[in-house]
Protein backbone atom coordinates (compact mmCIF):
# COMPACT_ATOMS: atom_id res chain seq x y z
CA MET A 1 -24.19 -12.65 8.79
CA THR A 2 -24.85 -10.33 11.88
CA PHE A 3 -21.28 -9.60 14.12
CA ASN A 4 -20.57 -6.79 15.94
CA LYS A 5 -16.55 -7.56 16.24
CA VAL A 6 -14.14 -7.85 14.25
CA LEU A 7 -10.98 -10.07 14.27
CA ILE A 8 -8.03 -8.10 12.10
CA ALA A 9 -5.69 -10.75 10.75
CA ASN A 10 -3.09 -8.28 9.75
CA ARG A 11 -0.21 -5.83 11.18
CA GLY A 12 1.03 -2.35 10.52
CA GLU A 13 -0.70 0.60 8.96
CA ILE A 14 -4.01 -1.68 7.54
CA ALA A 15 -4.38 -3.19 10.57
CA VAL A 16 -4.62 0.38 12.03
CA ARG A 17 -6.83 1.01 9.30
CA ILE A 18 -9.34 -1.42 9.82
CA ILE A 19 -9.47 -1.19 13.60
CA ARG A 20 -10.89 2.85 12.90
CA ALA A 21 -13.29 1.96 10.71
CA CYS A 22 -14.92 -0.85 13.08
CA HIS A 23 -14.90 1.40 15.85
CA GLU A 24 -16.44 4.41 13.33
CA LEU A 25 -19.02 1.44 12.67
CA GLY A 26 -19.55 1.07 16.23
CA MET A 27 -18.07 -2.75 16.53
CA LYS A 28 -15.21 -4.18 18.45
CA ALA A 29 -11.90 -4.66 17.06
CA VAL A 30 -9.25 -7.57 17.82
CA ALA A 31 -5.96 -7.71 17.13
CA VAL A 32 -3.58 -10.38 16.53
CA PHE A 33 0.22 -10.29 16.98
CA SER A 34 3.74 -11.74 16.71
CA GLU A 35 6.37 -11.59 19.36
CA ALA A 36 8.14 -8.82 17.31
CA ASP A 37 4.72 -6.80 17.12
CA ARG A 38 4.03 -6.78 21.06
CA LYS A 39 3.86 -3.08 21.23
CA ALA A 40 2.71 -2.32 17.78
CA LEU A 41 0.05 0.35 16.89
CA HIS A 42 -2.70 -1.93 16.09
CA VAL A 43 -2.55 -3.63 19.30
CA ARG A 44 -2.81 -0.30 21.21
CA HIS A 45 -5.60 0.53 18.89
CA ALA A 46 -7.54 -2.37 19.53
CA ASP A 47 -10.27 -3.38 21.99
CA GLU A 48 -8.55 -7.08 22.50
CA ALA A 49 -5.15 -8.53 21.63
CA TYR A 50 -3.62 -11.82 21.23
CA LEU A 51 -0.53 -12.91 20.96
CA LEU A 52 -0.19 -15.42 17.78
CA GLY A 53 3.48 -17.27 18.15
CA PRO A 54 7.41 -16.06 17.15
CA ALA A 55 7.86 -13.33 14.76
CA ALA A 56 8.47 -15.34 11.59
CA SER A 57 5.27 -14.72 9.31
CA SER A 58 5.15 -18.46 8.79
CA GLU A 59 4.57 -19.12 12.40
CA SER A 60 2.18 -16.16 13.55
CA TYR A 61 0.49 -14.39 10.78
CA LEU A 62 0.31 -17.48 8.23
CA ARG A 63 -1.27 -19.44 10.76
CA MET A 64 -4.57 -20.15 10.01
CA ASP A 65 -5.40 -22.36 12.25
CA LYS A 66 -4.51 -20.57 15.48
CA ILE A 67 -6.26 -17.07 13.68
CA ILE A 68 -9.75 -18.81 13.58
CA GLU A 69 -8.97 -20.47 17.11
CA ILE A 70 -8.71 -16.72 18.50
CA ALA A 71 -11.34 -15.22 16.79
CA LYS A 72 -13.93 -18.05 17.98
CA LYS A 73 -12.28 -17.68 21.70
CA SER A 74 -12.67 -13.73 21.52
CA GLY A 75 -16.14 -14.25 20.07
CA ALA A 76 -15.56 -12.16 17.14
CA GLY A 77 -17.90 -13.17 14.24
CA ALA A 78 -15.92 -11.94 11.31
CA ILE A 79 -12.27 -11.93 10.06
CA HIS A 80 -11.14 -9.33 7.89
CA PRO A 81 -7.35 -10.26 6.27
CA GLY A 82 -6.55 -7.06 5.02
CA TYR A 83 -3.51 -7.33 2.37
CA GLY A 84 -1.06 -9.71 1.96
CA PHE A 85 -0.70 -12.81 4.18
CA LEU A 86 -3.63 -14.77 4.30
CA ALA A 87 -5.92 -12.17 1.80
CA GLU A 88 -5.76 -13.90 -1.25
CA ARG A 89 -5.90 -17.49 0.58
CA SER A 90 -9.63 -19.33 -0.46
CA GLU A 91 -8.37 -22.38 2.01
CA PHE A 92 -8.64 -19.43 4.88
CA ALA A 93 -11.78 -18.37 3.34
CA GLN A 94 -13.09 -21.47 3.51
CA ALA A 95 -12.24 -22.06 6.99
CA CYS A 96 -13.69 -18.98 8.15
CA ALA A 97 -17.02 -19.84 6.24
CA GLU A 98 -16.57 -23.97 8.19
CA GLU A 99 -16.36 -22.30 11.38
CA GLU A 100 -19.14 -20.04 10.68
CA LEU A 101 -16.94 -16.86 10.79
CA ALA A 102 -17.85 -14.13 8.40
CA PHE A 103 -14.72 -13.42 5.61
CA ILE A 104 -14.47 -10.17 4.76
CA GLY A 105 -13.39 -10.48 1.55
CA PRO A 106 -14.93 -12.72 -1.21
CA GLU A 107 -16.02 -16.05 -1.90
CA PRO A 108 -13.51 -18.43 -1.87
CA SER A 109 -14.91 -19.70 -5.10
CA SER A 110 -13.88 -16.34 -6.32
CA ILE A 111 -10.59 -16.39 -4.74
CA THR A 112 -9.87 -19.74 -6.46
CA ALA A 113 -10.80 -18.33 -9.68
CA MET A 114 -9.38 -14.98 -10.08
CA GLY A 115 -6.70 -14.83 -6.89
CA ASP A 116 -4.75 -17.56 -8.70
CA LYS A 117 -3.18 -15.35 -11.61
CA GLY A 118 -2.96 -18.13 -13.93
CA ILE A 119 -6.64 -19.79 -13.55
CA ALA A 120 -7.93 -15.83 -13.68
CA ARG A 121 -6.03 -15.32 -17.20
CA ALA A 122 -8.15 -18.56 -18.50
CA THR A 123 -11.35 -17.33 -16.70
CA VAL A 124 -10.97 -13.94 -18.58
CA THR A 125 -9.87 -14.97 -21.59
CA ASP A 126 -13.41 -17.32 -21.81
CA ALA A 127 -15.00 -14.31 -21.02
CA GLY A 128 -13.23 -12.46 -24.19
CA ILE A 129 -11.31 -10.10 -22.23
CA PRO A 130 -7.88 -9.35 -23.90
CA VAL A 131 -4.93 -10.56 -21.72
CA VAL A 132 -1.22 -10.24 -21.84
CA PRO A 133 0.39 -12.95 -23.40
CA GLY A 134 1.49 -15.72 -21.55
CA THR A 135 1.13 -19.24 -19.80
CA GLU A 136 -2.62 -20.00 -20.25
CA GLY A 137 -3.01 -22.94 -19.10
CA GLU A 138 -4.60 -23.40 -15.41
CA GLY A 139 -2.62 -25.40 -12.53
CA SER A 140 0.90 -25.73 -11.65
CA LEU A 141 3.60 -25.53 -14.24
CA SER A 142 6.60 -27.38 -13.72
CA ASP A 143 10.24 -25.72 -14.50
CA GLU A 144 10.46 -27.77 -17.37
CA GLU A 145 7.26 -27.02 -18.75
CA LEU A 146 7.63 -23.29 -18.17
CA LEU A 147 11.35 -23.45 -20.16
CA LYS A 148 9.58 -25.25 -22.80
CA LEU A 149 6.82 -22.59 -23.31
CA ALA A 150 9.15 -19.72 -22.38
CA PRO A 151 10.39 -19.28 -26.31
CA GLU A 152 7.08 -19.48 -27.48
CA ILE A 153 5.89 -16.34 -25.52
CA GLY A 154 9.05 -14.58 -26.57
CA PHE A 155 11.30 -12.78 -24.23
CA PRO A 156 11.77 -10.68 -22.23
CA LEU A 157 8.86 -12.31 -19.96
CA LEU A 158 8.10 -12.16 -16.34
CA ALA A 159 7.77 -14.97 -13.75
CA LYS A 160 5.20 -14.16 -11.34
CA ALA A 161 3.55 -16.00 -8.16
CA THR A 162 0.13 -17.18 -8.83
CA ALA A 163 -1.02 -16.40 -5.51
CA GLY A 164 -0.60 -12.89 -3.67
CA GLY A 165 1.00 -9.38 -4.91
CA GLY A 166 2.61 -6.90 -4.09
CA GLY A 167 5.63 -7.51 -6.47
CA LYS A 168 6.74 -10.79 -4.34
CA GLY A 169 7.85 -14.20 -6.02
CA MET A 170 8.33 -11.85 -9.38
CA ARG A 171 11.55 -11.65 -11.53
CA GLU A 172 12.41 -10.18 -15.02
CA ILE A 173 13.66 -12.70 -17.09
CA ARG A 174 15.52 -11.43 -20.31
CA ASN A 175 17.11 -15.04 -21.83
CA ILE A 176 16.39 -18.75 -21.64
CA GLU A 177 20.18 -19.05 -20.08
CA GLU A 178 18.93 -17.04 -16.60
CA MET A 179 15.94 -18.34 -16.42
CA PRO A 180 16.17 -21.28 -14.18
CA GLY A 181 17.52 -19.42 -11.74
CA LEU A 182 15.28 -16.64 -11.47
CA LEU A 183 12.52 -19.33 -11.24
CA ASN A 184 13.91 -20.79 -8.39
CA ALA A 185 14.79 -17.68 -6.36
CA ALA A 186 11.02 -16.25 -7.62
CA ARG A 187 9.77 -19.69 -6.10
CA ARG A 188 11.25 -19.29 -2.78
CA GLU A 189 10.52 -15.61 -2.05
CA ALA A 190 6.45 -16.16 -3.35
CA GLU A 191 6.68 -20.00 -0.63
CA ALA A 192 8.26 -17.44 2.00
CA ALA A 193 5.40 -14.29 1.49
CA PHE A 194 2.10 -16.81 0.54
CA GLY A 195 2.60 -20.02 1.52
CA ASP A 196 2.44 -20.92 -2.15
CA GLY A 197 5.54 -21.39 -4.49
CA ASN A 198 3.89 -21.62 -7.85
CA VAL A 199 4.53 -19.21 -10.84
CA TYR A 200 3.42 -18.34 -14.39
CA LEU A 201 4.97 -16.57 -17.31
CA GLU A 202 4.14 -13.53 -18.51
CA LYS A 203 5.41 -11.26 -21.42
CA LEU A 204 6.89 -7.60 -20.51
CA LEU A 205 5.03 -5.32 -22.23
CA LYS A 206 7.82 -2.60 -23.42
CA ASN A 207 6.33 1.01 -22.61
CA ALA A 208 3.31 -0.15 -20.68
CA ARG A 209 1.22 2.04 -18.26
CA HIS A 210 -0.16 -0.34 -14.80
CA ILE A 211 -3.66 1.34 -14.62
CA GLU A 212 -6.16 -0.57 -12.47
CA ILE A 213 -10.15 -0.10 -11.34
CA GLN A 214 -11.30 -0.57 -8.14
CA ILE A 215 -14.93 -2.17 -7.70
CA LEU A 216 -17.18 -2.81 -5.01
CA ALA A 217 -20.09 -6.27 -5.29
CA ASP A 218 -22.24 -6.83 -2.97
CA GLN A 219 -24.35 -10.07 -2.19
CA HIS A 220 -27.27 -8.71 -3.99
CA GLY A 221 -25.73 -8.72 -7.32
CA ASN A 222 -24.71 -4.76 -7.46
CA VAL A 223 -21.43 -4.20 -8.88
CA ILE A 224 -19.96 -0.97 -9.57
CA HIS A 225 -16.33 0.67 -9.89
CA LEU A 226 -14.78 3.45 -8.41
CA GLY A 227 -12.39 4.71 -11.33
CA GLU A 228 -9.07 4.15 -12.15
CA ARG A 229 -5.94 4.34 -10.41
CA GLU A 230 -2.47 4.95 -12.07
CA CYS A 231 0.25 2.82 -10.66
CA SER A 232 3.12 2.85 -12.64
CA ILE A 233 5.57 4.57 -10.73
CA GLN A 234 7.36 1.07 -9.65
CA ARG A 235 10.50 -0.20 -8.70
CA ARG A 236 11.05 -4.15 -9.38
CA HIS A 237 7.28 -4.14 -10.05
CA GLN A 238 6.95 -2.23 -6.38
CA LYS A 239 4.59 0.36 -6.62
CA LEU A 240 6.36 3.40 -4.65
CA LEU A 241 3.55 6.07 -5.65
CA GLU A 242 -0.03 5.90 -6.71
CA GLU A 243 -2.77 8.77 -7.97
CA SER A 244 -6.23 9.12 -8.81
CA PRO A 245 -7.31 9.77 -11.62
CA SER A 246 -4.71 8.27 -14.22
CA PRO A 247 -2.58 11.78 -15.60
CA PHE A 248 -3.10 9.50 -18.82
CA ILE A 249 -6.75 9.27 -18.91
CA ASN A 250 -7.54 12.19 -16.95
CA GLU A 251 -10.91 13.86 -19.13
CA ASP A 252 -11.16 10.78 -20.97
CA ASN A 253 -14.28 9.56 -19.36
CA GLU A 254 -15.01 7.11 -22.68
CA PHE A 255 -11.97 5.20 -22.06
CA ARG A 256 -12.54 4.90 -18.46
CA GLU A 257 -15.79 3.98 -18.57
CA ARG A 258 -14.61 1.19 -21.41
CA MET A 259 -11.94 -0.44 -18.82
CA GLY A 260 -14.21 0.34 -15.64
CA ASP A 261 -17.08 -1.87 -17.63
CA VAL A 262 -14.61 -4.52 -18.62
CA ALA A 263 -13.38 -4.68 -14.48
CA VAL A 264 -17.27 -4.69 -13.55
CA ARG A 265 -17.82 -7.60 -16.34
CA THR A 266 -14.55 -9.67 -14.98
CA ALA A 267 -16.04 -9.46 -11.51
CA GLN A 268 -19.77 -10.96 -12.99
CA ALA A 269 -17.84 -13.55 -14.47
CA VAL A 270 -16.72 -15.08 -11.14
CA GLY A 271 -19.88 -13.84 -9.25
CA TYR A 272 -17.32 -11.63 -7.09
CA VAL A 273 -18.30 -10.18 -4.00
CA ASN A 274 -16.84 -7.30 -1.94
CA ALA A 275 -13.98 -5.54 -2.85
CA GLY A 276 -11.39 -6.19 -5.60
CA THR A 277 -9.15 -4.57 -8.02
CA ILE A 278 -8.97 -5.42 -11.91
CA GLU A 279 -5.13 -4.56 -12.89
CA PHE A 280 -4.69 -3.32 -16.78
CA LEU A 281 -1.58 -2.89 -18.77
CA VAL A 282 -2.17 -0.18 -21.07
CA ASP A 283 -0.03 0.47 -24.29
CA LYS A 284 0.48 4.33 -25.98
CA GLU A 285 -2.24 3.59 -28.27
CA LYS A 286 -5.03 2.92 -25.12
CA ARG A 287 -5.42 -0.65 -25.87
CA PHE A 288 -5.86 -2.16 -22.27
CA TYR A 289 -4.80 -5.88 -21.04
CA PHE A 290 -5.81 -7.55 -18.44
CA LEU A 291 -3.30 -8.07 -15.53
CA GLU A 292 -4.35 -9.99 -12.72
CA MET A 293 -7.41 -9.46 -10.21
CA ASN A 294 -6.24 -8.65 -6.55
CA THR A 295 -9.44 -10.02 -4.51
CA ARG A 296 -8.59 -7.89 -1.83
CA LEU A 297 -7.93 -4.93 -0.04
CA GLN A 298 -5.12 -2.79 -1.87
CA VAL A 299 -2.49 -0.45 -0.16
CA GLU A 300 -3.45 2.06 -2.38
CA HIS A 301 -7.26 2.35 -1.54
CA PRO A 302 -6.59 5.49 0.00
CA ILE A 303 -6.77 7.55 -2.89
CA THR A 304 -9.58 6.34 -4.48
CA GLU A 305 -11.33 7.33 -1.29
CA ALA A 306 -10.48 10.92 -1.65
CA VAL A 307 -11.47 11.38 -5.05
CA THR A 308 -14.95 9.20 -4.44
CA GLY A 309 -15.50 10.10 -0.73
CA ILE A 310 -16.23 6.61 -0.30
CA ASP A 311 -14.96 4.60 2.62
CA ILE A 312 -14.32 1.11 0.82
CA VAL A 313 -13.35 -0.62 4.13
CA LYS A 314 -16.57 0.54 5.78
CA GLU A 315 -18.47 -0.44 2.73
CA GLN A 316 -16.67 -4.05 3.07
CA ILE A 317 -17.81 -4.69 6.45
CA ARG A 318 -21.54 -3.64 5.48
CA ILE A 319 -21.30 -6.39 2.77
CA ALA A 320 -20.01 -8.52 4.90
CA ARG A 321 -23.17 -8.35 6.86
CA GLY A 322 -25.49 -8.43 3.87
CA ARG A 323 -26.28 -5.50 3.07
CA GLN A 324 -26.59 -3.79 -0.42
CA LEU A 325 -24.02 -0.91 -1.61
CA SER A 326 -24.42 2.31 -0.03
CA ILE A 327 -24.22 3.84 -3.44
CA ARG A 328 -25.20 2.90 -7.09
CA GLN A 329 -22.92 3.35 -10.21
CA GLU A 330 -24.03 7.25 -11.11
CA ASP A 331 -23.59 8.26 -7.80
CA VAL A 332 -19.51 7.70 -7.93
CA LYS A 333 -18.00 10.94 -8.92
CA MET A 334 -14.47 11.60 -9.25
CA ASN A 335 -13.75 15.26 -7.28
CA GLY A 336 -9.89 16.63 -7.61
CA TRP A 337 -6.87 14.29 -7.66
CA ALA A 338 -5.42 12.18 -5.09
CA ILE A 339 -1.54 11.13 -4.75
CA GLU A 340 -0.35 8.45 -2.52
CA CYS A 341 3.66 8.13 -1.45
CA ARG A 342 4.36 4.96 0.54
CA VAL A 343 7.02 5.69 2.84
CA ASN A 344 9.27 2.83 3.36
CA ALA A 345 12.32 1.95 5.50
CA GLU A 346 14.85 1.52 3.03
CA ASP A 347 18.12 3.75 2.18
CA PRO A 348 17.43 5.68 -1.35
CA TYR A 349 20.98 6.40 -1.59
CA ASN A 350 22.34 2.67 -1.34
CA ASP A 351 20.30 0.81 -3.84
CA PHE A 352 17.40 0.79 -1.51
CA LEU A 353 18.78 -1.70 1.32
CA PRO A 354 16.10 -2.10 3.80
CA SER A 355 16.75 -0.11 7.15
CA THR A 356 15.95 -1.33 10.75
CA GLY A 357 15.94 0.07 13.93
CA PHE A 358 14.13 2.06 17.02
CA ILE A 359 12.02 5.23 15.42
CA THR A 360 13.15 7.91 17.76
CA HIS A 361 11.39 10.49 16.26
CA HIS A 362 8.10 10.50 14.54
CA SER A 363 6.34 13.47 13.29
CA VAL A 364 3.31 13.16 10.79
CA PRO A 365 2.84 16.05 8.60
CA THR A 366 -0.57 17.69 8.75
CA GLY A 367 -2.89 20.44 7.49
CA PRO A 368 -5.63 20.59 4.15
CA GLY A 369 -5.77 17.77 2.58
CA VAL A 370 -3.22 15.97 4.02
CA ARG A 371 -3.80 12.25 5.42
CA VAL A 372 -0.80 9.91 6.76
CA ASP A 373 -2.34 6.01 7.29
CA THR A 374 0.67 4.95 9.62
CA GLY A 375 1.46 2.31 12.06
CA VAL A 376 4.64 3.30 13.88
CA TYR A 377 4.84 6.10 16.74
CA ASP A 378 8.42 7.19 18.43
CA GLY A 379 10.22 4.26 19.71
CA PHE A 380 8.84 1.63 17.75
CA GLU A 381 10.74 -0.77 16.21
CA VAL A 382 11.44 -1.72 12.39
CA SER A 383 12.12 -5.26 12.30
CA PRO A 384 13.78 -7.31 9.59
CA TYR A 385 10.54 -10.01 9.99
CA TYR A 386 8.05 -7.78 7.26
CA ASP A 387 7.78 -5.39 5.12
CA SER A 388 9.54 -1.78 5.00
CA LEU A 389 6.33 0.06 4.95
CA ILE A 390 6.43 2.68 7.74
CA SER A 391 3.19 4.43 6.43
CA LYS A 392 1.41 6.24 3.85
CA VAL A 393 1.09 10.23 2.77
CA ILE A 394 -2.01 10.66 1.21
CA VAL A 395 -3.03 14.27 -0.42
CA TRP A 396 -6.19 15.72 -2.22
CA GLY A 397 -5.67 18.83 -4.11
CA ASN A 398 -8.42 20.35 -6.94
CA THR A 399 -6.09 19.83 -9.54
CA ARG A 400 -3.10 17.12 -10.15
CA GLY A 401 -0.87 20.08 -9.98
CA GLN A 402 -2.27 21.53 -6.55
CA ALA A 403 -1.71 17.40 -5.72
CA ILE A 404 1.56 17.80 -6.33
CA LEU A 405 2.14 20.86 -4.41
CA ARG A 406 0.75 19.51 -0.76
CA MET A 407 2.24 16.47 -1.20
CA ARG A 408 6.02 18.43 -1.77
CA ARG A 409 4.70 20.54 1.21
CA ALA A 410 3.79 17.14 3.10
CA LEU A 411 6.91 15.15 2.55
CA GLU A 412 9.16 18.52 3.28
CA GLU A 413 6.86 18.17 6.46
CA TYR A 414 7.71 14.66 7.67
CA SER A 415 10.18 14.10 10.38
CA ILE A 416 11.46 9.97 10.44
CA VAL A 417 14.68 9.86 12.66
CA GLY A 418 15.98 6.20 13.30
CA VAL A 419 15.70 4.70 10.23
CA MET A 420 16.58 5.75 6.77
CA THR A 421 13.47 6.62 4.66
CA ASN A 422 12.59 7.15 0.71
CA ILE A 423 11.25 10.29 1.51
CA PRO A 424 14.07 11.92 -0.49
CA PHE A 425 13.14 9.74 -3.12
CA HIS A 426 9.56 11.07 -3.82
CA GLN A 427 10.72 14.75 -3.17
CA ASN A 428 12.98 13.67 -5.97
CA LEU A 429 10.55 12.44 -8.24
CA LEU A 430 8.01 15.03 -7.10
CA ASP A 431 10.43 17.77 -9.19
CA GLN A 432 11.26 15.25 -12.58
CA THR A 433 9.70 17.96 -15.42
CA ARG A 434 8.40 14.18 -16.93
CA PHE A 435 6.58 12.96 -14.02
CA ILE A 436 5.09 16.40 -14.04
CA ALA A 437 4.05 16.47 -17.28
CA GLY A 438 2.32 12.88 -16.99
CA GLN A 439 4.97 11.34 -19.13
CA PHE A 440 6.31 8.05 -17.74
CA ASP A 441 5.57 4.50 -17.56
CA THR A 442 6.00 1.02 -15.60
CA ARG A 443 10.06 1.52 -16.12
CA PHE A 444 10.52 4.83 -15.66
CA VAL A 445 12.23 4.69 -12.25
CA GLU A 446 14.24 1.66 -12.92
CA GLU A 447 15.43 3.08 -16.44
CA ARG A 448 14.96 7.29 -16.42
CA PHE A 449 15.03 8.28 -12.98
CA SER A 450 18.17 8.11 -10.61
CA MET A 451 18.78 9.98 -7.30
CA GLU A 452 22.40 10.93 -8.31
CA LYS A 453 21.23 13.03 -10.74
CA ALA A 454 18.26 14.19 -9.28
CA GLU A 455 20.37 15.77 -6.80
CA GLN A 456 23.35 16.96 -9.20
CA ASN A 457 20.16 19.15 -11.12
CA LYS A 458 19.26 20.78 -8.08
CA GLU A 459 20.44 24.24 -7.68
CA THR A 460 22.74 25.13 -4.98
CA HIS A 461 24.48 27.96 -3.54
CA PRO A 462 27.43 27.10 -2.13
CA GLU A 463 28.47 30.91 -1.21
CA ILE A 464 25.09 31.39 0.50
CA ALA A 465 25.44 28.43 2.49
CA ALA A 466 29.02 29.32 3.75
CA ILE A 467 28.13 32.76 4.68
CA LEU A 468 24.90 31.30 7.21
CA SER A 469 27.35 28.62 8.61
CA THR A 470 29.74 31.51 9.58
CA LEU A 471 26.92 33.36 10.95
CA VAL A 472 25.60 30.74 13.18
CA ALA A 473 29.06 29.59 14.27
CA HIS A 474 29.74 33.74 15.13
CA THR A 475 26.44 33.76 17.40
CA GLU A 476 26.77 30.46 19.14
CA PHE A 477 30.67 31.82 20.06
CA GLU A 478 29.12 35.06 21.06
CA ARG A 479 26.24 32.76 22.97
CA SER A 480 29.03 31.31 24.59
CA ALA A 481 31.16 34.23 26.10
CA GLN A 482 28.16 35.58 27.83
CA ILE A 483 28.34 35.53 31.50
CA ILE A 484 25.44 35.93 33.15
CA GLN A 485 25.27 36.95 36.80
CA ARG A 486 22.63 35.91 39.40
CA GLY A 487 20.23 38.71 40.06
CA GLU A 488 20.17 40.55 43.73
CA ARG A 489 17.12 38.62 44.23
CA ASP A 490 16.83 35.03 44.70
CA THR A 491 13.76 34.50 43.31
CA SER A 492 11.57 35.86 39.75
CA ASN A 493 10.00 38.74 39.62
CA TRP A 494 6.76 37.23 39.87
CA LYS A 495 7.22 35.93 43.29
CA TRP A 496 8.99 39.00 44.79
CA VAL A 497 6.11 41.22 43.47
CA GLY A 498 3.64 38.68 45.56
CA ARG A 499 5.54 38.78 48.43
CA TRP A 500 5.81 42.52 48.42
CA GLU A 501 2.00 42.89 47.85
CA ARG A 502 1.75 40.43 51.10
CA MET A 503 3.71 42.52 53.18
CA HIS A 504 1.84 45.62 52.56
CA ARG A 505 -1.71 44.70 53.25
């Protein structure tokens, strides 16, 4: 399908990212926005922008009918859903197809097969791919059915939303007594985030790592993988820091290729097209289990772009236009190391409570190997209606050590005033010996890291601080005591010399 104008059905930094890709390809970009996002950065960068509705996502960014109506009104030939909201809704992809709009993502059938986590598990099991033990059946299961199956799987368990991702609609269940309340909470959160309250159960593996494989597939049967991303640094199942390659795999190319081959076969099993991610849990013995497939662009896609040099968003658009992949599997080379820190508007010293308000100052880091994807600016209001992501700081280095040092420097330069952010969390994390050594799993942040201990372990010099404070106070006092008299001339030396020259011509 040919198109030259794309509507971005999303907001924030990912909408800005997609708009930039469209402009680099010579295409027009159409933004949509809610009342709360009327002054958002993606609205400013787009060629056209249209109001969706009130701030609540259910009345704006989840309105399929309104988005399609705006796409047709604006003359857009395609819709890019970004991530979250409608990105993994098969009915939205189907509605686009029925209106002859290109959906920059997979086919509706693939989203149904892999976007629903329960069906995805059954699909890959039939293909002989190992999965984490859980509820294997297709379709929706009632609370009563889940309560009956839970003891057979064994605690601890995870209740997970079958639609969407990003840690939304997910609860850890330790025993049968707390299970009804947690199931209800997971369903409510999933319904609010994705418009689908269905959940399934999955065994919680201890000491496992979360490693995912990025894949690309075109409409001509070509499927490739772009290596792995390490996503084990999480809090409440929400990723905070990602890196590529994984320090657990690093130079084990044979293991990387085995995981990549499974990811490619998983995509081929459902005739997958466009960009997607196969997520695995990996134990200490390097046994890996299929976790889920995200049938969309991932938040952490920039680190794969950094180490491979492949623009994933541009590839998505090319694939949707019917083009073949611009690279083959043998062309994919992982060069250097990339790390991404998600900067959220939350207070790391107060249980990471969300922080809202106006950003009065926003100065991003720059320099070699530093990239910042953001959707905010000076004066932007962080509202309570959407997720707390402010920006993503991505760095690249020749080695992991260089990337860590570069990220430390970038976070030190990053200045955000007006709301609390988790930048101090990232700074403390990057100083942890176990993180530097690559010795962590998905429970590291919650079980073996705390902001209080990290702050206490920092070397302090109270005597030096006291001396510096005294010097500053003395300097300020001396400055305030000075009396500056007006000069004999009522103007500057430059003006005085100019007048003198004119008088003596």
